[in-house]
Amino acid sequence: QYLKALGEDSGFGTSYIADDFADDIYNLLAQNGAWATLGVRRIFSKKAKFPIITAYPNAVYVLQGVPMTDDTAASGTYILADTQTVACFVQCSKQLAEDSETDISALLLENFSEAINARLDTGVFIGDGVQDANNGGITGMFQDSTITSVDAAAGHTALELCNRNDFLNTVAAVSANALQRPCRWWISYELLPKIMQCKDDEGRPMVYRPAGADDFYLLEI
């Protein structure tokens, strides 16, 4: 018995892989879905308004016999969220879909999930704001001109040449109020091998995997 091709002439299994080896098939494709770490909020309609607080009200000590006045410090605004549709379409032959011996539903669902996550990651991280099939009108954080950027020191023209001060200067450019909250770095997996070559002032690696950790690295500055 063999795995069939996904389509009539192309797709998964076109080389007729024997079932005995099917369990050994794997891929080294990038895993996607980092967009879910950005504090994404769920909305329940196509359009929604998200309130933003820009200033807290001013609290005062209440003195006996002194009336309180209305607060004028509290202020805020909102952003309008307009949803986009993300879809994935794959052709599949009727013969394969109705095949009682080969079930590719789990494989397709996994691939659909990765494809949709990849498109969302593209939008929120490197989207150029163009309303097209690749960007969906989304401007990603690394393309947003309103987000402060920091240049490395002179001569540090490659990531692996950067040092502790380069990273500290990046942290210094972040609002002090934001640093009161749980913060994290978002680093492309393609840059990890290079950034792991960066050293602190004493020559120790700045990025390392703690003992017993299987799914994360620490960037120590």
N, C-alpha and C. Protein backbone atom coordinates (compact mmCIF):
# COMPACT_ATOMS: atom_id res chain seq x y z
N GLN A 1 0.85 -1.18 0.00
CA GLN A 1 0.00 0.00 0.00
C GLN A 1 0.89 1.24 0.00
N TYR A 2 0.40 2.30 -0.61
CA TYR A 2 1.22 3.49 -0.76
C TYR A 2 0.39 4.74 -0.45
N LEU A 3 1.11 5.80 -0.07
CA LEU A 3 0.47 7.10 0.06
C LEU A 3 0.21 7.65 -1.33
N LYS A 4 -0.98 8.18 -1.53
CA LYS A 4 -1.32 8.73 -2.85
C LYS A 4 -0.86 10.18 -2.94
N ALA A 5 -0.81 10.70 -4.14
CA ALA A 5 -0.54 12.12 -4.33
C ALA A 5 -1.74 12.93 -3.88
N LEU A 6 -1.47 14.14 -3.36
CA LEU A 6 -2.57 14.98 -2.91
C LEU A 6 -3.42 15.44 -4.07
N GLY A 7 -2.80 15.74 -5.20
CA GLY A 7 -3.54 16.15 -6.39
C GLY A 7 -3.44 15.08 -7.46
N GLU A 8 -3.88 15.40 -8.65
CA GLU A 8 -3.83 14.42 -9.73
C GLU A 8 -2.39 14.17 -10.20
N ASP A 9 -1.52 15.20 -10.11
CA ASP A 9 -0.17 15.02 -10.62
C ASP A 9 0.91 15.62 -9.73
N SER A 10 0.54 16.18 -8.57
CA SER A 10 1.55 16.76 -7.70
C SER A 10 1.02 16.80 -6.27
N GLY A 11 1.94 16.97 -5.35
CA GLY A 11 1.54 17.08 -3.95
C GLY A 11 2.22 16.05 -3.08
N PHE A 12 1.72 15.88 -1.87
CA PHE A 12 2.32 14.94 -0.94
C PHE A 12 2.23 13.52 -1.49
N GLY A 13 3.30 12.79 -1.44
CA GLY A 13 3.27 11.39 -1.82
C GLY A 13 3.36 11.13 -3.30
N THR A 14 3.80 12.10 -4.10
CA THR A 14 3.86 11.87 -5.54
C THR A 14 4.89 10.82 -5.89
N SER A 15 5.87 10.59 -5.03
CA SER A 15 6.89 9.58 -5.32
C SER A 15 6.47 8.21 -4.78
N TYR A 16 5.23 8.09 -4.32
CA TYR A 16 4.69 6.82 -3.84
C TYR A 16 5.55 6.23 -2.72
N ILE A 17 5.46 6.89 -1.57
CA ILE A 17 6.21 6.47 -0.39
C ILE A 17 5.51 5.29 0.26
N ALA A 18 6.22 4.24 0.53
CA ALA A 18 5.62 3.05 1.14
C ALA A 18 5.11 3.37 2.54
N ASP A 19 3.98 2.76 2.93
CA ASP A 19 3.39 3.01 4.23
C ASP A 19 4.35 2.70 5.37
N ASP A 20 5.26 1.76 5.17
CA ASP A 20 6.18 1.38 6.24
C ASP A 20 7.07 2.54 6.66
N PHE A 21 7.27 3.50 5.75
CA PHE A 21 8.14 4.63 6.06
C PHE A 21 7.35 5.89 6.39
N ALA A 22 6.04 5.80 6.35
CA ALA A 22 5.22 7.00 6.52
C ALA A 22 5.45 7.65 7.88
N ASP A 23 5.64 6.85 8.93
CA ASP A 23 5.81 7.40 10.27
C ASP A 23 7.14 8.12 10.43
N ASP A 24 8.07 7.91 9.51
CA ASP A 24 9.38 8.52 9.62
C ASP A 24 9.47 9.84 8.88
N ILE A 25 8.39 10.24 8.21
CA ILE A 25 8.42 11.48 7.45
C ILE A 25 8.34 12.67 8.40
N TYR A 26 9.21 13.64 8.23
CA TYR A 26 9.21 14.83 9.06
C TYR A 26 9.60 16.01 8.19
N ASN A 27 9.55 17.21 8.75
CA ASN A 27 10.02 18.37 8.00
C ASN A 27 10.85 19.25 8.91
N LEU A 28 11.66 20.09 8.29
CA LEU A 28 12.46 21.07 9.01
C LEU A 28 12.02 22.49 8.64
N LEU A 29 10.74 22.62 8.31
CA LEU A 29 10.21 23.94 7.99
C LEU A 29 10.05 24.77 9.25
N ALA A 30 10.06 26.08 9.07
CA ALA A 30 9.91 26.97 10.22
C ALA A 30 8.55 26.76 10.88
N GLN A 31 8.53 26.81 12.20
CA GLN A 31 7.27 26.75 12.93
C GLN A 31 6.80 28.17 13.18
N ASN A 32 5.53 28.40 12.95
CA ASN A 32 4.98 29.75 13.00
C ASN A 32 4.00 29.91 14.15
N GLY A 33 3.58 31.15 14.38
CA GLY A 33 2.59 31.42 15.42
C GLY A 33 3.06 32.39 16.48
N ALA A 34 4.19 33.10 16.24
CA ALA A 34 4.70 34.05 17.23
C ALA A 34 3.74 35.22 17.44
N TRP A 35 2.83 35.45 16.50
CA TRP A 35 1.87 36.55 16.64
C TRP A 35 1.03 36.40 17.92
N ALA A 36 0.84 35.15 18.36
CA ALA A 36 0.00 34.92 19.54
C ALA A 36 0.67 35.37 20.83
N THR A 37 1.97 35.71 20.78
CA THR A 37 2.68 36.17 21.98
C THR A 37 2.61 37.68 22.15
N LEU A 38 1.90 38.37 21.27
CA LEU A 38 1.89 39.83 21.26
C LEU A 38 0.71 40.43 22.01
N GLY A 39 0.06 39.65 22.86
CA GLY A 39 -1.07 40.19 23.61
C GLY A 39 -2.28 40.46 22.74
N VAL A 40 -2.51 39.60 21.76
CA VAL A 40 -3.63 39.78 20.83
C VAL A 40 -4.95 39.63 21.58
N ARG A 41 -5.88 40.51 21.30
CA ARG A 41 -7.19 40.47 21.95
C ARG A 41 -8.25 39.94 20.99
N ARG A 42 -9.16 39.17 21.55
CA ARG A 42 -10.24 38.61 20.73
C ARG A 42 -11.35 39.64 20.55
N ILE A 43 -11.87 39.71 19.34
CA ILE A 43 -13.04 40.55 19.09
C ILE A 43 -14.15 39.65 18.55
N PHE A 44 -15.37 40.10 18.70
CA PHE A 44 -16.52 39.25 18.36
C PHE A 44 -17.36 39.84 17.24
N SER A 45 -16.79 40.78 16.52
CA SER A 45 -17.47 41.34 15.35
C SER A 45 -16.40 41.79 14.36
N LYS A 46 -16.82 42.11 13.16
CA LYS A 46 -15.85 42.49 12.13
C LYS A 46 -15.12 43.77 12.49
N LYS A 47 -15.79 44.69 13.13
CA LYS A 47 -15.16 45.94 13.56
C LYS A 47 -15.35 46.10 15.06
N ALA A 48 -14.34 46.64 15.73
CA ALA A 48 -14.43 46.84 17.17
C ALA A 48 -13.54 48.01 17.56
N LYS A 49 -13.91 48.68 18.66
CA LYS A 49 -13.10 49.77 19.20
C LYS A 49 -12.42 49.29 20.48
N PHE A 50 -11.12 49.53 20.56
CA PHE A 50 -10.37 49.20 21.76
C PHE A 50 -9.99 50.50 22.48
N PRO A 51 -10.49 50.69 23.71
CA PRO A 51 -10.14 51.92 24.44
C PRO A 51 -8.68 51.90 24.87
N ILE A 52 -8.07 53.07 24.87
CA ILE A 52 -6.68 53.24 25.31
C ILE A 52 -6.64 54.35 26.35
N ILE A 53 -6.10 54.04 27.52
CA ILE A 53 -5.95 55.04 28.57
C ILE A 53 -4.64 55.78 28.35
N THR A 54 -4.70 57.08 28.24
CA THR A 54 -3.49 57.88 28.04
C THR A 54 -3.07 58.63 29.30
N ALA A 55 -3.95 58.74 30.28
CA ALA A 55 -3.60 59.39 31.54
C ALA A 55 -4.55 58.92 32.63
N TYR A 56 -4.01 58.64 33.81
CA TYR A 56 -4.84 58.23 34.95
C TYR A 56 -5.54 59.44 35.56
N PRO A 57 -6.65 59.21 36.28
CA PRO A 57 -7.23 60.31 37.06
C PRO A 57 -6.30 60.68 38.20
N ASN A 58 -6.45 61.87 38.70
CA ASN A 58 -5.59 62.38 39.76
C ASN A 58 -6.25 62.17 41.12
N ALA A 59 -5.65 61.32 41.95
CA ALA A 59 -6.18 61.09 43.29
C ALA A 59 -5.64 62.14 44.25
N VAL A 60 -6.47 62.52 45.23
CA VAL A 60 -6.07 63.55 46.21
C VAL A 60 -6.44 63.09 47.61
N TYR A 61 -5.79 63.67 48.58
CA TYR A 61 -6.17 63.43 49.97
C TYR A 61 -7.43 64.25 50.27
N VAL A 62 -8.37 63.59 50.93
CA VAL A 62 -9.63 64.26 51.26
C VAL A 62 -9.46 64.96 52.61
N LEU A 63 -9.64 66.27 52.59
CA LEU A 63 -9.52 67.07 53.82
C LEU A 63 -10.90 67.41 54.35
N GLN A 64 -11.03 67.32 55.65
CA GLN A 64 -12.33 67.60 56.26
C GLN A 64 -12.77 69.03 55.97
N GLY A 65 -13.97 69.11 55.48
CA GLY A 65 -14.53 70.43 55.20
C GLY A 65 -14.13 71.02 53.88
N VAL A 66 -13.26 70.31 53.12
CA VAL A 66 -12.82 70.82 51.82
C VAL A 66 -13.49 69.99 50.73
N PRO A 67 -14.33 70.59 49.93
CA PRO A 67 -15.02 69.81 48.88
C PRO A 67 -14.05 69.34 47.79
N MET A 68 -14.33 68.16 47.25
CA MET A 68 -13.53 67.64 46.13
C MET A 68 -14.02 68.23 44.82
N THR A 69 -13.12 68.40 43.92
CA THR A 69 -13.47 68.93 42.60
C THR A 69 -13.44 67.81 41.58
N ASP A 70 -14.12 68.02 40.48
CA ASP A 70 -14.13 67.02 39.42
C ASP A 70 -12.72 66.83 38.85
N ASP A 71 -12.40 65.59 38.54
CA ASP A 71 -11.08 65.30 37.97
C ASP A 71 -11.04 65.69 36.49
N THR A 72 -9.93 66.26 36.09
CA THR A 72 -9.74 66.62 34.68
C THR A 72 -8.50 65.96 34.08
N ALA A 73 -7.83 65.13 34.87
CA ALA A 73 -6.58 64.53 34.40
C ALA A 73 -6.81 63.29 33.54
N ALA A 74 -7.85 62.53 33.87
CA ALA A 74 -8.09 61.27 33.14
C ALA A 74 -8.39 61.56 31.68
N SER A 75 -7.77 60.78 30.82
CA SER A 75 -8.01 60.96 29.39
C SER A 75 -7.72 59.64 28.67
N GLY A 76 -8.16 59.56 27.45
CA GLY A 76 -7.94 58.34 26.67
C GLY A 76 -8.39 58.51 25.24
N THR A 77 -8.20 57.47 24.49
CA THR A 77 -8.61 57.45 23.10
C THR A 77 -9.00 56.03 22.74
N TYR A 78 -9.02 55.70 21.47
CA TYR A 78 -9.34 54.34 21.07
C TYR A 78 -8.73 54.06 19.71
N ILE A 79 -8.61 52.80 19.40
CA ILE A 79 -8.22 52.39 18.05
C ILE A 79 -9.34 51.53 17.47
N LEU A 80 -9.52 51.64 16.18
CA LEU A 80 -10.56 50.87 15.50
C LEU A 80 -9.93 49.63 14.87
N ALA A 81 -10.40 48.47 15.28
CA ALA A 81 -9.89 47.21 14.73
C ALA A 81 -10.81 46.73 13.62
N ASP A 82 -10.25 46.54 12.46
CA ASP A 82 -11.00 46.04 11.30
C ASP A 82 -10.42 44.68 10.92
N THR A 83 -11.19 43.63 11.03
CA THR A 83 -10.67 42.28 10.84
C THR A 83 -10.39 41.99 9.36
N GLN A 84 -9.45 41.07 9.17
CA GLN A 84 -9.11 40.57 7.84
C GLN A 84 -9.37 39.06 7.82
N THR A 85 -9.66 38.54 6.65
CA THR A 85 -9.85 37.10 6.49
C THR A 85 -8.57 36.46 5.97
N VAL A 86 -8.11 35.42 6.65
CA VAL A 86 -6.93 34.67 6.21
C VAL A 86 -7.39 33.27 5.86
N ALA A 87 -7.07 32.83 4.66
CA ALA A 87 -7.54 31.52 4.20
C ALA A 87 -6.42 30.77 3.50
N CYS A 88 -6.60 29.47 3.40
CA CYS A 88 -5.65 28.61 2.71
C CYS A 88 -6.44 27.61 1.86
N PHE A 89 -6.08 27.50 0.60
CA PHE A 89 -6.83 26.65 -0.33
C PHE A 89 -5.88 25.64 -0.97
N VAL A 90 -6.21 24.37 -0.84
CA VAL A 90 -5.39 23.31 -1.41
C VAL A 90 -6.28 22.38 -2.23
N GLN A 91 -5.87 22.12 -3.46
CA GLN A 91 -6.63 21.19 -4.29
C GLN A 91 -6.38 19.75 -3.83
N CYS A 92 -7.42 18.96 -3.85
CA CYS A 92 -7.31 17.56 -3.44
C CYS A 92 -8.21 16.72 -4.35
N SER A 93 -7.69 15.64 -4.87
CA SER A 93 -8.48 14.81 -5.76
C SER A 93 -9.60 14.10 -4.99
N LYS A 94 -10.72 13.89 -5.63
CA LYS A 94 -11.84 13.21 -5.01
C LYS A 94 -11.45 11.78 -4.63
N GLN A 95 -10.61 11.16 -5.45
CA GLN A 95 -10.19 9.80 -5.18
C GLN A 95 -9.44 9.71 -3.85
N LEU A 96 -8.58 10.69 -3.59
CA LEU A 96 -7.84 10.67 -2.33
C LEU A 96 -8.74 11.02 -1.15
N ALA A 97 -9.63 11.98 -1.35
CA ALA A 97 -10.52 12.38 -0.27
C ALA A 97 -11.42 11.23 0.17
N GLU A 98 -11.77 10.36 -0.76
CA GLU A 98 -12.67 9.25 -0.44
C GLU A 98 -11.92 7.94 -0.20
N ASP A 99 -10.60 7.99 -0.19
CA ASP A 99 -9.79 6.78 0.00
C ASP A 99 -9.98 6.26 1.43
N SER A 100 -10.40 5.05 1.56
CA SER A 100 -10.66 4.47 2.88
C SER A 100 -9.39 3.98 3.57
N GLU A 101 -8.27 3.91 2.83
CA GLU A 101 -7.04 3.40 3.40
C GLU A 101 -6.06 4.50 3.79
N THR A 102 -6.23 5.67 3.23
CA THR A 102 -5.31 6.77 3.50
C THR A 102 -6.07 7.98 4.01
N ASP A 103 -5.74 8.44 5.22
CA ASP A 103 -6.39 9.59 5.82
C ASP A 103 -5.36 10.71 5.98
N ILE A 104 -5.52 11.74 5.18
CA ILE A 104 -4.56 12.85 5.23
C ILE A 104 -5.14 14.06 5.96
N SER A 105 -6.27 13.91 6.62
CA SER A 105 -6.93 15.05 7.26
C SER A 105 -6.03 15.71 8.31
N ALA A 106 -5.35 14.89 9.14
CA ALA A 106 -4.49 15.46 10.18
C ALA A 106 -3.32 16.22 9.55
N LEU A 107 -2.76 15.66 8.48
CA LEU A 107 -1.66 16.32 7.79
C LEU A 107 -2.10 17.65 7.19
N LEU A 108 -3.28 17.66 6.58
CA LEU A 108 -3.77 18.90 5.98
C LEU A 108 -4.06 19.95 7.05
N LEU A 109 -4.69 19.56 8.15
CA LEU A 109 -4.99 20.52 9.21
C LEU A 109 -3.72 21.12 9.79
N GLU A 110 -2.70 20.31 9.97
CA GLU A 110 -1.43 20.81 10.48
C GLU A 110 -0.81 21.80 9.51
N ASN A 111 -0.87 21.47 8.22
CA ASN A 111 -0.30 22.38 7.22
C ASN A 111 -1.11 23.66 7.08
N PHE A 112 -2.44 23.55 7.16
CA PHE A 112 -3.28 24.76 7.14
C PHE A 112 -2.94 25.67 8.31
N SER A 113 -2.79 25.07 9.50
CA SER A 113 -2.48 25.85 10.69
C SER A 113 -1.17 26.59 10.54
N GLU A 114 -0.13 25.89 10.06
CA GLU A 114 1.16 26.53 9.88
C GLU A 114 1.09 27.64 8.83
N ALA A 115 0.35 27.40 7.75
CA ALA A 115 0.24 28.40 6.69
C ALA A 115 -0.45 29.67 7.18
N ILE A 116 -1.53 29.51 7.93
CA ILE A 116 -2.25 30.67 8.45
C ILE A 116 -1.41 31.41 9.47
N ASN A 117 -0.75 30.68 10.35
CA ASN A 117 0.13 31.31 11.34
C ASN A 117 1.27 32.07 10.66
N ALA A 118 1.81 31.50 9.59
CA ALA A 118 2.89 32.16 8.87
C ALA A 118 2.43 33.48 8.26
N ARG A 119 1.21 33.50 7.73
CA ARG A 119 0.69 34.73 7.13
C ARG A 119 0.46 35.79 8.21
N LEU A 120 -0.05 35.37 9.37
CA LEU A 120 -0.26 36.32 10.47
C LEU A 120 1.07 36.84 11.00
N ASP A 121 2.06 35.97 11.12
CA ASP A 121 3.39 36.41 11.56
C ASP A 121 3.96 37.44 10.60
N THR A 122 3.79 37.20 9.30
CA THR A 122 4.29 38.15 8.31
C THR A 122 3.68 39.53 8.52
N GLY A 123 2.37 39.56 8.75
CA GLY A 123 1.70 40.83 8.91
C GLY A 123 2.16 41.59 10.14
N VAL A 124 2.16 40.95 11.30
CA VAL A 124 2.42 41.67 12.55
C VAL A 124 3.90 42.00 12.75
N PHE A 125 4.80 41.28 12.08
CA PHE A 125 6.21 41.55 12.28
C PHE A 125 6.83 42.36 11.14
N ILE A 126 6.56 41.99 9.89
CA ILE A 126 7.23 42.67 8.78
C ILE A 126 6.26 43.16 7.72
N GLY A 127 4.96 43.18 8.01
CA GLY A 127 3.99 43.68 7.03
C GLY A 127 4.31 45.11 6.62
N ASP A 128 4.13 45.41 5.33
CA ASP A 128 4.49 46.75 4.83
C ASP A 128 3.29 47.69 4.71
N GLY A 129 2.13 47.24 5.21
CA GLY A 129 0.96 48.12 5.21
C GLY A 129 0.16 48.11 3.93
N VAL A 130 0.64 47.41 2.91
CA VAL A 130 -0.07 47.37 1.63
C VAL A 130 -1.26 46.43 1.74
N GLN A 131 -2.39 46.86 1.20
CA GLN A 131 -3.60 46.02 1.25
C GLN A 131 -3.55 45.01 0.12
N ASP A 132 -2.82 43.93 0.34
CA ASP A 132 -2.72 42.89 -0.67
C ASP A 132 -2.77 41.52 0.02
N ALA A 133 -2.59 40.47 -0.77
CA ALA A 133 -2.72 39.11 -0.24
C ALA A 133 -1.59 38.74 0.71
N ASN A 134 -0.47 39.44 0.64
CA ASN A 134 0.67 39.10 1.48
C ASN A 134 0.69 39.85 2.80
N ASN A 135 0.16 41.08 2.81
CA ASN A 135 0.27 41.94 3.99
C ASN A 135 -1.06 42.28 4.64
N GLY A 136 -2.15 42.23 3.88
CA GLY A 136 -3.46 42.49 4.45
C GLY A 136 -3.65 43.87 5.03
N GLY A 137 -2.85 44.84 4.57
CA GLY A 137 -2.98 46.20 5.09
C GLY A 137 -2.36 46.39 6.45
N ILE A 138 -1.61 45.41 6.94
CA ILE A 138 -1.02 45.47 8.28
C ILE A 138 0.42 45.99 8.19
N THR A 139 0.75 46.92 9.07
CA THR A 139 2.13 47.39 9.19
C THR A 139 2.77 46.70 10.37
N GLY A 140 3.79 45.90 10.12
CA GLY A 140 4.44 45.14 11.17
C GLY A 140 5.32 46.00 12.06
N MET A 141 5.64 45.46 13.24
CA MET A 141 6.40 46.24 14.22
C MET A 141 7.79 46.61 13.72
N PHE A 142 8.38 45.78 12.87
CA PHE A 142 9.71 46.11 12.36
C PHE A 142 9.66 47.01 11.14
N GLN A 143 8.47 47.38 10.71
CA GLN A 143 8.30 48.31 9.59
C GLN A 143 7.64 49.61 10.04
N ASP A 144 7.17 49.64 11.28
CA ASP A 144 6.41 50.79 11.79
C ASP A 144 7.36 51.94 12.13
N SER A 145 7.24 53.03 11.41
CA SER A 145 8.15 54.17 11.61
C SER A 145 7.90 54.89 12.93
N THR A 146 6.77 54.63 13.59
CA THR A 146 6.49 55.28 14.86
C THR A 146 7.17 54.57 16.03
N ILE A 147 7.74 53.40 15.78
CA ILE A 147 8.46 52.67 16.82
C ILE A 147 9.93 53.05 16.75
N THR A 148 10.49 53.42 17.89
CA THR A 148 11.88 53.88 17.95
C THR A 148 12.84 52.77 17.56
N SER A 149 13.81 53.09 16.74
CA SER A 149 14.86 52.14 16.37
C SER A 149 16.20 52.65 16.90
N VAL A 150 17.11 51.72 17.16
CA VAL A 150 18.41 52.06 17.73
C VAL A 150 19.50 51.45 16.86
N ASP A 151 20.51 52.23 16.53
CA ASP A 151 21.64 51.74 15.74
C ASP A 151 22.74 51.23 16.66
N ALA A 152 23.40 50.17 16.23
CA ALA A 152 24.54 49.65 16.97
C ALA A 152 25.72 50.62 16.85
N ALA A 153 26.71 50.43 17.70
CA ALA A 153 27.87 51.32 17.69
C ALA A 153 28.63 51.20 16.37
N ALA A 154 29.40 52.22 16.07
CA ALA A 154 30.19 52.23 14.84
C ALA A 154 31.09 51.00 14.77
N GLY A 155 31.11 50.38 13.61
CA GLY A 155 31.93 49.19 13.43
C GLY A 155 31.20 47.90 13.71
N HIS A 156 30.07 47.97 14.40
CA HIS A 156 29.29 46.77 14.70
C HIS A 156 28.30 46.55 13.56
N THR A 157 28.84 46.20 12.42
CA THR A 157 28.05 46.10 11.20
C THR A 157 27.41 44.73 11.00
N ALA A 158 27.68 43.80 11.88
CA ALA A 158 27.06 42.47 11.84
C ALA A 158 26.56 42.14 13.24
N LEU A 159 25.51 41.37 13.31
CA LEU A 159 24.90 41.08 14.60
C LEU A 159 25.88 40.44 15.57
N GLU A 160 26.69 39.53 15.07
CA GLU A 160 27.62 38.82 15.95
C GLU A 160 28.71 39.74 16.50
N LEU A 161 28.85 40.96 15.95
CA LEU A 161 29.83 41.92 16.45
C LEU A 161 29.26 42.83 17.53
N CYS A 162 27.96 42.77 17.75
CA CYS A 162 27.34 43.62 18.76
C CYS A 162 27.75 43.19 20.16
N ASN A 163 27.74 44.13 21.09
CA ASN A 163 28.11 43.83 22.46
C ASN A 163 27.01 44.24 23.42
N ARG A 164 27.31 44.14 24.69
CA ARG A 164 26.30 44.39 25.73
C ARG A 164 25.74 45.81 25.64
N ASN A 165 26.61 46.79 25.36
CA ASN A 165 26.14 48.17 25.29
C ASN A 165 25.13 48.38 24.17
N ASP A 166 25.30 47.68 23.06
CA ASP A 166 24.35 47.80 21.96
C ASP A 166 22.95 47.38 22.41
N PHE A 167 22.88 46.31 23.18
CA PHE A 167 21.59 45.84 23.67
C PHE A 167 21.05 46.76 24.77
N LEU A 168 21.93 47.25 25.64
CA LEU A 168 21.49 48.17 26.69
C LEU A 168 20.94 49.46 26.09
N ASN A 169 21.54 49.94 25.01
CA ASN A 169 21.03 51.15 24.35
C ASN A 169 19.63 50.93 23.80
N THR A 170 19.36 49.70 23.37
CA THR A 170 18.02 49.38 22.89
C THR A 170 17.01 49.44 24.03
N VAL A 171 17.39 48.88 25.16
CA VAL A 171 16.51 48.90 26.34
C VAL A 171 16.29 50.34 26.80
N ALA A 172 17.34 51.15 26.74
CA ALA A 172 17.24 52.54 27.20
C ALA A 172 16.28 53.35 26.34
N ALA A 173 16.05 52.93 25.10
CA ALA A 173 15.15 53.67 24.21
C ALA A 173 13.69 53.33 24.46
N VAL A 174 13.43 52.29 25.26
CA VAL A 174 12.06 51.90 25.58
C VAL A 174 11.53 52.78 26.69
N SER A 175 10.24 53.10 26.63
CA SER A 175 9.62 53.89 27.69
C SER A 175 9.83 53.23 29.05
N ALA A 176 10.22 54.03 30.03
CA ALA A 176 10.43 53.49 31.38
C ALA A 176 9.15 52.87 31.93
N ASN A 177 8.00 53.42 31.55
CA ASN A 177 6.73 52.85 32.02
C ASN A 177 6.53 51.44 31.47
N ALA A 178 6.96 51.22 30.22
CA ALA A 178 6.82 49.89 29.63
C ALA A 178 7.70 48.88 30.34
N LEU A 179 8.86 49.32 30.84
CA LEU A 179 9.78 48.41 31.50
C LEU A 179 9.25 47.94 32.85
N GLN A 180 8.20 48.59 33.37
CA GLN A 180 7.58 48.11 34.60
C GLN A 180 6.78 46.83 34.36
N ARG A 181 6.48 46.55 33.11
CA ARG A 181 5.66 45.40 32.77
C ARG A 181 6.56 44.25 32.29
N PRO A 182 6.03 43.02 32.26
CA PRO A 182 6.84 41.91 31.74
C PRO A 182 7.27 42.20 30.30
N CYS A 183 8.57 42.20 30.05
CA CYS A 183 9.10 42.54 28.73
C CYS A 183 9.79 41.33 28.12
N ARG A 184 9.92 41.33 26.82
CA ARG A 184 10.62 40.25 26.15
C ARG A 184 11.19 40.74 24.83
N TRP A 185 12.17 39.98 24.33
CA TRP A 185 12.74 40.25 23.02
C TRP A 185 12.05 39.36 22.00
N TRP A 186 11.81 39.89 20.82
CA TRP A 186 11.35 39.07 19.70
C TRP A 186 12.50 39.01 18.69
N ILE A 187 13.07 37.84 18.53
CA ILE A 187 14.24 37.65 17.68
C ILE A 187 13.94 36.57 16.66
N SER A 188 14.22 36.84 15.42
CA SER A 188 14.01 35.85 14.37
C SER A 188 14.89 34.63 14.62
N TYR A 189 14.32 33.46 14.39
CA TYR A 189 15.08 32.23 14.57
C TYR A 189 16.30 32.20 13.65
N GLU A 190 16.25 32.94 12.55
CA GLU A 190 17.39 32.99 11.64
C GLU A 190 18.57 33.74 12.25
N LEU A 191 18.29 34.59 13.24
CA LEU A 191 19.36 35.38 13.86
C LEU A 191 19.93 34.73 15.11
N LEU A 192 19.28 33.71 15.63
CA LEU A 192 19.74 33.10 16.87
C LEU A 192 21.19 32.62 16.80
N PRO A 193 21.60 31.90 15.75
CA PRO A 193 23.00 31.45 15.72
C PRO A 193 24.00 32.61 15.79
N LYS A 194 23.62 33.76 15.21
CA LYS A 194 24.54 34.91 15.23
C LYS A 194 24.53 35.59 16.58
N ILE A 195 23.35 35.76 17.15
CA ILE A 195 23.27 36.47 18.41
C ILE A 195 23.88 35.65 19.55
N MET A 196 23.94 34.34 19.37
CA MET A 196 24.56 33.49 20.39
C MET A 196 26.07 33.65 20.41
N GLN A 197 26.63 34.34 19.41
CA GLN A 197 28.06 34.63 19.39
C GLN A 197 28.40 35.93 20.11
N CYS A 198 27.38 36.70 20.47
CA CYS A 198 27.62 37.97 21.16
C CYS A 198 28.09 37.71 22.59
N LYS A 199 29.06 38.51 23.03
CA LYS A 199 29.65 38.33 24.35
C LYS A 199 29.42 39.58 25.20
N ASP A 200 29.41 39.38 26.53
CA ASP A 200 29.35 40.52 27.43
C ASP A 200 30.75 41.07 27.67
N ASP A 201 30.89 42.01 28.60
CA ASP A 201 32.17 42.66 28.82
C ASP A 201 33.24 41.69 29.32
N GLU A 202 32.82 40.59 29.89
CA GLU A 202 33.77 39.62 30.42
C GLU A 202 33.95 38.41 29.50
N GLY A 203 33.43 38.53 28.28
CA GLY A 203 33.62 37.47 27.31
C GLY A 203 32.67 36.30 27.43
N ARG A 204 31.62 36.42 28.25
CA ARG A 204 30.66 35.34 28.41
C ARG A 204 29.53 35.49 27.39
N PRO A 205 28.99 34.38 26.87
CA PRO A 205 27.87 34.46 25.92
C PRO A 205 26.68 35.16 26.56
N MET A 206 26.05 36.06 25.81
CA MET A 206 24.90 36.79 26.32
C MET A 206 23.61 36.00 26.18
N VAL A 207 23.58 35.08 25.23
CA VAL A 207 22.38 34.25 25.02
C VAL A 207 22.74 32.81 25.36
N TYR A 208 21.94 32.18 26.19
CA TYR A 208 22.21 30.80 26.56
C TYR A 208 20.91 30.12 26.94
N ARG A 209 20.94 28.81 26.95
CA ARG A 209 19.79 28.02 27.37
C ARG A 209 20.03 27.55 28.80
N PRO A 210 19.17 27.95 29.75
CA PRO A 210 19.37 27.54 31.14
C PRO A 210 19.29 26.02 31.30
N ALA A 211 19.95 25.52 32.30
CA ALA A 211 19.92 24.09 32.56
C ALA A 211 18.48 23.62 32.77
N GLY A 212 18.09 22.58 32.06
CA GLY A 212 16.75 22.02 32.19
C GLY A 212 15.71 22.67 31.31
N ALA A 213 16.07 23.75 30.61
CA ALA A 213 15.11 24.44 29.73
C ALA A 213 15.14 23.79 28.36
N ASP A 214 13.97 23.49 27.83
CA ASP A 214 13.88 22.84 26.53
C ASP A 214 13.29 23.74 25.45
N ASP A 215 12.60 24.80 25.85
CA ASP A 215 11.85 25.57 24.87
C ASP A 215 12.11 27.07 24.90
N PHE A 216 13.18 27.51 25.58
CA PHE A 216 13.45 28.94 25.55
C PHE A 216 14.93 29.20 25.84
N TYR A 217 15.37 30.40 25.45
CA TYR A 217 16.72 30.88 25.72
C TYR A 217 16.62 32.14 26.57
N LEU A 218 17.69 32.49 27.24
CA LEU A 218 17.75 33.72 28.00
C LEU A 218 18.76 34.65 27.35
N LEU A 219 18.40 35.93 27.26
CA LEU A 219 19.30 36.97 26.81
C LEU A 219 19.67 37.78 28.03
N GLU A 220 20.88 37.67 28.49
CA GLU A 220 21.31 38.31 29.73
C GLU A 220 22.18 39.51 29.41
N ILE A 221 21.71 40.69 29.81
CA ILE A 221 22.48 41.90 29.57
C ILE A 221 22.72 42.64 30.89
